[in-house]
Amino acid sequence: MPLTFDDLLTRARALAGGGRRAILGIAGGPGAGKTTLAEHLVGALNADGPPWVAHVPMDGFHLADAELDRLGRRDRKGAPDTFDAAGYAALLRRLREETDEVVYAPGFERVLEQPLAGAIPVPPTARLVVTEGNYLLLEQGSWARVRPCLDEVWFCEIDEQERIRRLVARHEEFGKDREAAVAWVLGTDQRNADLIATTRDRADLVVPPGALPWLRRSA
């Protein structure tokens, strides 16, 4: 039987049934739909009662542009070494262990393309945290600390041309002209996507487009 969104909801609920806070990771390349999947999961799981699922994206750990300029990495923004991977892993450990008080996570403002400190409160009532980002399965450097903090990692898979189309549209939406958006997507973003694709086999579950009904509606 093909995987469905209801199957994903059932699997996510089961993760939170062990008596402790669980953390679900969603990985995939730029434009693969990680954030959209996370938002639909959280919305559906929280729909039937008091909120018990929180969403904490990895993007809040982008290094600020000023630091990227200092390091000479601004033209590679989004690459693994343009994030605070150790800080992200430390937050995941806090989310796992500190369940008796609010834990604040950073967010990311796409219009500014800058991280925002303390933007996402995770309350003690959160029994499941959904986190998503490119490099959850990467084994290089401090990224290797991330996977042990996660109960499961799902990998979003999408048609490559559709991924590129959506990513170009996103860059245009947030300020790049068409030429600059295409150049960035086929350059910096594609190098990152190629690296992320090598981590697919480490995922606990690969989520195909057919499991995501909103993709079928938008086709």
C-alpha atoms as a PDB file:
ATOM      1  CA  MET A   1       0.000   0.000   0.000  1.00  0.00           C
ATOM      2  CA  PRO A   2       1.308   3.471  -0.834  1.00  0.00           C
ATOM      3  CA  LEU A   3       2.291   5.640   2.105  1.00  0.00           C
ATOM      4  CA  THR A   4      -0.367   8.235   3.023  1.00  0.00           C
ATOM      5  CA  PHE A   5      -0.430  11.368   5.134  1.00  0.00           C
ATOM      6  CA  ASP A   6      -2.624   9.522   7.649  1.00  0.00           C
ATOM      7  CA  ASP A   7       0.162   6.946   7.949  1.00  0.00           C
ATOM      8  CA  LEU A   8       2.575   9.751   8.769  1.00  0.00           C
ATOM      9  CA  LEU A   9       0.244  11.101  11.438  1.00  0.00           C
ATOM     10  CA  THR A  10      -0.067   7.652  13.000  1.00  0.00           C
ATOM     11  CA  ARG A  11       3.695   7.206  13.022  1.00  0.00           C
ATOM     12  CA  ALA A  12       4.264  10.649  14.553  1.00  0.00           C
ATOM     13  CA  ARG A  13       1.690   9.982  17.300  1.00  0.00           C
ATOM     14  CA  ALA A  14       3.395   6.689  18.109  1.00  0.00           C
ATOM     15  CA  LEU A  15       6.712   8.475  18.670  1.00  0.00           C
ATOM     16  CA  ALA A  16       5.147  10.503  21.467  1.00  0.00           C
ATOM     17  CA  GLY A  17       3.667   7.454  23.195  1.00  0.00           C
ATOM     18  CA  GLY A  18       6.745   6.460  25.144  1.00  0.00           C
ATOM     19  CA  GLY A  19       6.280   8.659  28.204  1.00  0.00           C
ATOM     20  CA  ARG A  20       9.013  11.155  27.368  1.00  0.00           C
ATOM     21  CA  ARG A  21       9.282  14.032  24.931  1.00  0.00           C
ATOM     22  CA  ALA A  22      10.106  12.781  21.427  1.00  0.00           C
ATOM     23  CA  ILE A  23      11.844  14.642  18.628  1.00  0.00           C
ATOM     24  CA  LEU A  24      11.046  13.946  14.984  1.00  0.00           C
ATOM     25  CA  GLY A  25      13.416  15.230  12.303  1.00  0.00           C
ATOM     26  CA  ILE A  26      12.462  15.972   8.703  1.00  0.00           C
ATOM     27  CA  ALA A  27      15.364  16.225   6.263  1.00  0.00           C
ATOM     28  CA  GLY A  28      15.647  16.839   2.532  1.00  0.00           C
ATOM     29  CA  GLY A  29      17.123  19.179  -0.024  1.00  0.00           C
ATOM     30  CA  PRO A  30      16.343  22.889  -0.430  1.00  0.00           C
ATOM     31  CA  GLY A  31      12.816  23.246  -1.771  1.00  0.00           C
ATOM     32  CA  ALA A  32      11.819  19.637  -1.029  1.00  0.00           C
ATOM     33  CA  GLY A  33       8.893  20.666   1.172  1.00  0.00           C
ATOM     34  CA  LYS A  34      10.296  20.005   4.646  1.00  0.00           C
ATOM     35  CA  THR A  35       8.731  23.055   6.267  1.00  0.00           C
ATOM     36  CA  THR A  36       5.361  22.498   4.607  1.00  0.00           C
ATOM     37  CA  LEU A  37       5.285  18.875   5.771  1.00  0.00           C
ATOM     38  CA  ALA A  38       6.245  19.907   9.309  1.00  0.00           C
ATOM     39  CA  GLU A  39       3.535  22.588   9.395  1.00  0.00           C
ATOM     40  CA  HIS A  40       0.863  20.176   8.156  1.00  0.00           C
ATOM     41  CA  LEU A  41       1.915  17.540  10.689  1.00  0.00           C
ATOM     42  CA  VAL A  42       1.890  19.975  13.595  1.00  0.00           C
ATOM     43  CA  GLY A  43      -1.416  21.500  12.528  1.00  0.00           C
ATOM     44  CA  ALA A  44      -3.128  18.134  12.142  1.00  0.00           C
ATOM     45  CA  LEU A  45      -1.776  16.677  15.379  1.00  0.00           C
ATOM     46  CA  ASN A  46      -2.735  19.766  17.379  1.00  0.00           C
ATOM     47  CA  ALA A  47      -6.203  20.054  15.813  1.00  0.00           C
ATOM     48  CA  ASP A  48      -8.107  17.822  18.219  1.00  0.00           C
ATOM     49  CA  GLY A  49      -7.215  19.330  21.557  1.00  0.00           C
ATOM     50  CA  PRO A  50      -4.689  21.417  23.498  1.00  0.00           C
ATOM     51  CA  PRO A  51      -1.446  21.868  21.513  1.00  0.00           C
ATOM     52  CA  TRP A  52       1.044  19.124  22.331  1.00  0.00           C
ATOM     53  CA  VAL A  53       3.349  19.316  19.275  1.00  0.00           C
ATOM     54  CA  ALA A  54       5.913  22.080  18.652  1.00  0.00           C
ATOM     55  CA  HIS A  55       7.745  23.031  15.453  1.00  0.00           C
ATOM     56  CA  VAL A  56      11.418  24.043  15.733  1.00  0.00           C
ATOM     57  CA  PRO A  57      13.142  24.596  12.349  1.00  0.00           C
ATOM     58  CA  MET A  58      16.900  24.227  11.954  1.00  0.00           C
ATOM     59  CA  ASP A  59      17.029  27.519  10.024  1.00  0.00           C
ATOM     60  CA  GLY A  60      17.246  29.562  13.217  1.00  0.00           C
ATOM     61  CA  PHE A  61      20.877  28.433  13.407  1.00  0.00           C
ATOM     62  CA  HIS A  62      21.964  30.208  10.224  1.00  0.00           C
ATOM     63  CA  LEU A  63      24.977  32.349  11.006  1.00  0.00           C
ATOM     64  CA  ALA A  64      24.188  36.063  10.705  1.00  0.00           C
ATOM     65  CA  ASP A  65      25.282  37.791   7.499  1.00  0.00           C
ATOM     66  CA  ALA A  66      27.807  39.881   9.424  1.00  0.00           C
ATOM     67  CA  GLU A  67      29.532  36.712  10.620  1.00  0.00           C
ATOM     68  CA  LEU A  68      29.364  35.135   7.161  1.00  0.00           C
ATOM     69  CA  ASP A  69      31.043  38.268   5.771  1.00  0.00           C
ATOM     70  CA  ARG A  70      33.763  38.012   8.418  1.00  0.00           C
ATOM     71  CA  LEU A  71      34.335  34.351   7.551  1.00  0.00           C
ATOM     72  CA  GLY A  72      34.188  34.961   3.791  1.00  0.00           C
ATOM     73  CA  ARG A  73      31.231  32.548   3.374  1.00  0.00           C
ATOM     74  CA  ARG A  74      28.386  34.898   2.423  1.00  0.00           C
ATOM     75  CA  ASP A  75      28.355  33.634  -1.190  1.00  0.00           C
ATOM     76  CA  ARG A  76      27.783  30.079   0.129  1.00  0.00           C
ATOM     77  CA  LYS A  77      24.979  30.881   2.560  1.00  0.00           C
ATOM     78  CA  GLY A  78      23.069  27.666   3.240  1.00  0.00           C
ATOM     79  CA  ALA A  79      26.126  25.383   3.053  1.00  0.00           C
ATOM     80  CA  PRO A  80      26.836  23.194   6.111  1.00  0.00           C
ATOM     81  CA  ASP A  81      29.552  25.499   7.472  1.00  0.00           C
ATOM     82  CA  THR A  82      27.238  28.539   7.404  1.00  0.00           C
ATOM     83  CA  PHE A  83      25.213  27.215  10.357  1.00  0.00           C
ATOM     84  CA  ASP A  84      25.922  26.853  14.057  1.00  0.00           C
ATOM     85  CA  ALA A  85      25.580  23.056  13.987  1.00  0.00           C
ATOM     86  CA  ALA A  86      26.912  22.617  17.526  1.00  0.00           C
ATOM     87  CA  GLY A  87      24.380  25.137  18.815  1.00  0.00           C
ATOM     88  CA  TYR A  88      21.563  23.313  17.057  1.00  0.00           C
ATOM     89  CA  ALA A  89      22.611  19.983  18.571  1.00  0.00           C
ATOM     90  CA  ALA A  90      22.806  21.603  22.010  1.00  0.00           C
ATOM     91  CA  LEU A  91      19.257  22.929  21.627  1.00  0.00           C
ATOM     92  CA  LEU A  92      17.995  19.471  20.662  1.00  0.00           C
ATOM     93  CA  ARG A  93      19.572  18.049  23.814  1.00  0.00           C
ATOM     94  CA  ARG A  94      17.872  20.781  25.888  1.00  0.00           C
ATOM     95  CA  LEU A  95      14.543  20.031  24.257  1.00  0.00           C
ATOM     96  CA  ARG A  96      14.984  16.388  25.164  1.00  0.00           C
ATOM     97  CA  GLU A  97      16.080  16.952  28.756  1.00  0.00           C
ATOM     98  CA  GLU A  98      14.540  20.222  29.976  1.00  0.00           C
ATOM     99  CA  THR A  99      10.840  19.464  29.944  1.00  0.00           C
ATOM    100  CA  ASP A 100       9.791  21.301  33.107  1.00  0.00           C
ATOM    101  CA  GLU A 101      10.148  24.844  31.726  1.00  0.00           C
ATOM    102  CA  VAL A 102       9.803  26.778  28.479  1.00  0.00           C
ATOM    103  CA  VAL A 103      12.769  26.352  26.139  1.00  0.00           C
ATOM    104  CA  TYR A 104      13.231  29.168  23.629  1.00  0.00           C
ATOM    105  CA  ALA A 105      14.505  28.366  20.144  1.00  0.00           C
ATOM    106  CA  PRO A 106      15.642  30.803  17.456  1.00  0.00           C
ATOM    107  CA  GLY A 107      13.534  31.387  14.369  1.00  0.00           C
ATOM    108  CA  PHE A 108      14.438  32.607  10.887  1.00  0.00           C
ATOM    109  CA  GLU A 109      13.001  35.657   9.137  1.00  0.00           C
ATOM    110  CA  ARG A 110      12.937  34.917   5.408  1.00  0.00           C
ATOM    111  CA  VAL A 111      12.338  38.521   4.350  1.00  0.00           C
ATOM    112  CA  LEU A 112      15.454  39.627   6.250  1.00  0.00           C
ATOM    113  CA  GLU A 113      17.186  36.261   5.710  1.00  0.00           C
ATOM    114  CA  GLN A 114      18.412  36.493   9.287  1.00  0.00           C
ATOM    115  CA  PRO A 115      18.012  34.350  12.427  1.00  0.00           C
ATOM    116  CA  LEU A 116      15.884  35.714  15.285  1.00  0.00           C
ATOM    117  CA  ALA A 117      16.890  34.751  18.817  1.00  0.00           C
ATOM    118  CA  GLY A 118      14.263  33.455  21.237  1.00  0.00           C
ATOM    119  CA  ALA A 119      11.472  33.495  18.651  1.00  0.00           C
ATOM    120  CA  ILE A 120       9.959  30.029  19.269  1.00  0.00           C
ATOM    121  CA  PRO A 121       8.764  28.989  22.748  1.00  0.00           C
ATOM    122  CA  VAL A 122       8.541  25.246  23.385  1.00  0.00           C
ATOM    123  CA  PRO A 123       6.319  24.770  26.441  1.00  0.00           C
ATOM    124  CA  PRO A 124       6.593  21.919  28.955  1.00  0.00           C
ATOM    125  CA  THR A 125       3.330  20.515  27.540  1.00  0.00           C
ATOM    126  CA  ALA A 126       5.020  19.701  24.201  1.00  0.00           C
ATOM    127  CA  ARG A 127       5.318  15.921  24.012  1.00  0.00           C
ATOM    128  CA  LEU A 128       6.569  15.919  20.413  1.00  0.00           C
ATOM    129  CA  VAL A 129       8.920  18.380  18.751  1.00  0.00           C
ATOM    130  CA  VAL A 130       9.102  18.395  14.957  1.00  0.00           C
ATOM    131  CA  THR A 131      12.362  19.837  13.666  1.00  0.00           C
ATOM    132  CA  GLU A 132      13.305  20.151  10.011  1.00  0.00           C
ATOM    133  CA  GLY A 133      16.342  21.145   8.005  1.00  0.00           C
ATOM    134  CA  ASN A 134      18.827  20.183   5.341  1.00  0.00           C
ATOM    135  CA  TYR A 135      21.582  18.536   7.325  1.00  0.00           C
ATOM    136  CA  LEU A 136      19.940  16.396  10.008  1.00  0.00           C
ATOM    137  CA  LEU A 137      21.561  13.248   8.606  1.00  0.00           C
ATOM    138  CA  LEU A 138      24.969  14.709   7.783  1.00  0.00           C
ATOM    139  CA  GLU A 139      27.874  13.002   9.541  1.00  0.00           C
ATOM    140  CA  GLN A 140      30.487  15.732   9.042  1.00  0.00           C
ATOM    141  CA  GLY A 141      31.826  17.796  11.925  1.00  0.00           C
ATOM    142  CA  SER A 142      29.347  18.985  14.539  1.00  0.00           C
ATOM    143  CA  TRP A 143      26.428  17.822  12.387  1.00  0.00           C
ATOM    144  CA  ALA A 144      27.207  14.287  13.582  1.00  0.00           C
ATOM    145  CA  ARG A 145      25.859  15.330  17.012  1.00  0.00           C
ATOM    146  CA  VAL A 146      22.373  15.957  15.604  1.00  0.00           C
ATOM    147  CA  ARG A 147      21.146  12.491  14.609  1.00  0.00           C
ATOM    148  CA  PRO A 148      21.604  10.918  18.089  1.00  0.00           C
ATOM    149  CA  CYS A 149      19.227  13.581  19.478  1.00  0.00           C
ATOM    150  CA  LEU A 150      16.364  12.531  17.171  1.00  0.00           C
ATOM    151  CA  ASP A 151      13.982   9.607  17.631  1.00  0.00           C
ATOM    152  CA  GLU A 152      13.367   9.340  13.885  1.00  0.00           C
ATOM    153  CA  VAL A 153      14.345  11.225  10.746  1.00  0.00           C
ATOM    154  CA  TRP A 154      12.143  11.300   7.652  1.00  0.00           C
ATOM    155  CA  PHE A 155      13.536  12.316   4.277  1.00  0.00           C
ATOM    156  CA  CYS A 156      11.334  14.375   1.919  1.00  0.00           C
ATOM    157  CA  GLU A 157      11.678  13.234  -1.672  1.00  0.00           C
ATOM    158  CA  ILE A 158      10.326  15.252  -4.581  1.00  0.00           C
ATOM    159  CA  ASP A 159      10.756  15.374  -8.344  1.00  0.00           C
ATOM    160  CA  GLU A 160      13.993  17.241  -9.023  1.00  0.00           C
ATOM    161  CA  GLN A 161      12.550  19.630 -11.588  1.00  0.00           C
ATOM    162  CA  GLU A 162       9.648  20.463  -9.282  1.00  0.00           C
ATOM    163  CA  ARG A 163      12.082  21.056  -6.422  1.00  0.00           C
ATOM    164  CA  ILE A 164      14.080  23.483  -8.562  1.00  0.00           C
ATOM    165  CA  ARG A 165      10.952  25.263  -9.791  1.00  0.00           C
ATOM    166  CA  ARG A 166       9.683  25.761  -6.253  1.00  0.00           C
ATOM    167  CA  LEU A 167      13.058  26.931  -5.006  1.00  0.00           C
ATOM    168  CA  VAL A 168      13.434  29.522  -7.772  1.00  0.00           C
ATOM    169  CA  ALA A 169       9.938  30.803  -6.977  1.00  0.00           C
ATOM    170  CA  ARG A 170      10.838  31.087  -3.292  1.00  0.00           C
ATOM    171  CA  HIS A 171      13.966  33.123  -4.003  1.00  0.00           C
ATOM    172  CA  GLU A 172      11.960  35.415  -6.280  1.00  0.00           C
ATOM    173  CA  GLU A 173       9.269  35.811  -3.618  1.00  0.00           C
ATOM    174  CA  PHE A 174      11.862  37.003  -1.116  1.00  0.00           C
ATOM    175  CA  GLY A 175      13.563  39.547  -3.334  1.00  0.00           C
ATOM    176  CA  LYS A 176      15.871  38.028  -5.963  1.00  0.00           C
ATOM    177  CA  ASP A 177      15.236  38.781  -9.615  1.00  0.00           C
ATOM    178  CA  ARG A 178      14.683  35.815 -11.929  1.00  0.00           C
ATOM    179  CA  GLU A 179      18.254  35.633 -13.220  1.00  0.00           C
ATOM    180  CA  ALA A 180      19.795  35.847  -9.751  1.00  0.00           C
ATOM    181  CA  ALA A 181      17.324  33.278  -8.370  1.00  0.00           C
ATOM    182  CA  VAL A 182      18.092  30.736 -11.087  1.00  0.00           C
ATOM    183  CA  ALA A 183      21.854  31.282 -10.717  1.00  0.00           C
ATOM    184  CA  TRP A 184      21.692  30.737  -6.951  1.00  0.00           C
ATOM    185  CA  VAL A 185      19.474  27.656  -7.216  1.00  0.00           C
ATOM    186  CA  LEU A 186      21.635  25.987  -9.868  1.00  0.00           C
ATOM    187  CA  GLY A 187      24.854  26.971  -8.090  1.00  0.00           C
ATOM    188  CA  THR A 188      24.988  27.203  -4.294  1.00  0.00           C
ATOM    189  CA  ASP A 189      21.662  25.476  -3.644  1.00  0.00           C
ATOM    190  CA  GLN A 190      22.400  22.630  -6.057  1.00  0.00           C
ATOM    191  CA  ARG A 191      25.760  21.865  -4.458  1.00  0.00           C
ATOM    192  CA  ASN A 192      23.992  21.638  -1.103  1.00  0.00           C
ATOM    193  CA  ALA A 193      21.200  19.496  -2.568  1.00  0.00           C
ATOM    194  CA  ASP A 194      23.722  17.058  -4.038  1.00  0.00           C
ATOM    195  CA  LEU A 195      25.365  16.661  -0.630  1.00  0.00           C
ATOM    196  CA  ILE A 196      22.026  16.207   1.138  1.00  0.00           C
ATOM    197  CA  ALA A 197      20.997  13.520  -1.362  1.00  0.00           C
ATOM    198  CA  THR A 198      23.917  11.388  -0.176  1.00  0.00           C
ATOM    199  CA  THR A 199      22.335  11.240   3.311  1.00  0.00           C
ATOM    200  CA  ARG A 200      18.978   9.820   2.118  1.00  0.00           C
ATOM    201  CA  ASP A 201      19.819   6.215   2.986  1.00  0.00           C
ATOM    202  CA  ARG A 202      20.357   7.131   6.653  1.00  0.00           C
ATOM    203  CA  ALA A 203      16.708   8.149   7.068  1.00  0.00           C
ATOM    204  CA  ASP A 204      14.197   5.977   8.925  1.00  0.00           C
ATOM    205  CA  LEU A 205      11.536   6.774   6.338  1.00  0.00           C
ATOM    206  CA  VAL A 206      11.505   8.294   2.855  1.00  0.00           C
ATOM    207  CA  VAL A 207       8.371  10.381   2.275  1.00  0.00           C
ATOM    208  CA  PRO A 208       7.371  10.363  -1.412  1.00  0.00           C
ATOM    209  CA  PRO A 209       5.304  13.155  -2.994  1.00  0.00           C
ATOM    210  CA  GLY A 210       2.307  10.816  -3.228  1.00  0.00           C
ATOM    211  CA  ALA A 211       1.959  10.874   0.570  1.00  0.00           C
ATOM    212  CA  LEU A 212       1.444  14.644   0.574  1.00  0.00           C
ATOM    213  CA  PRO A 213      -2.064  15.576  -0.610  1.00  0.00           C
ATOM    214  CA  TRP A 214      -1.323  19.313  -0.860  1.00  0.00           C
ATOM    215  CA  LEU A 215       1.244  18.563  -3.590  1.00  0.00           C
ATOM    216  CA  ARG A 216      -1.410  16.758  -5.616  1.00  0.00           C
ATOM    217  CA  ARG A 217      -3.807  19.677  -5.205  1.00  0.00           C
ATOM    218  CA  SER A 218      -1.171  22.174  -6.406  1.00  0.00           C
ATOM    219  CA  ALA A 219      -0.066  20.083  -9.408  1.00  0.00           C
END
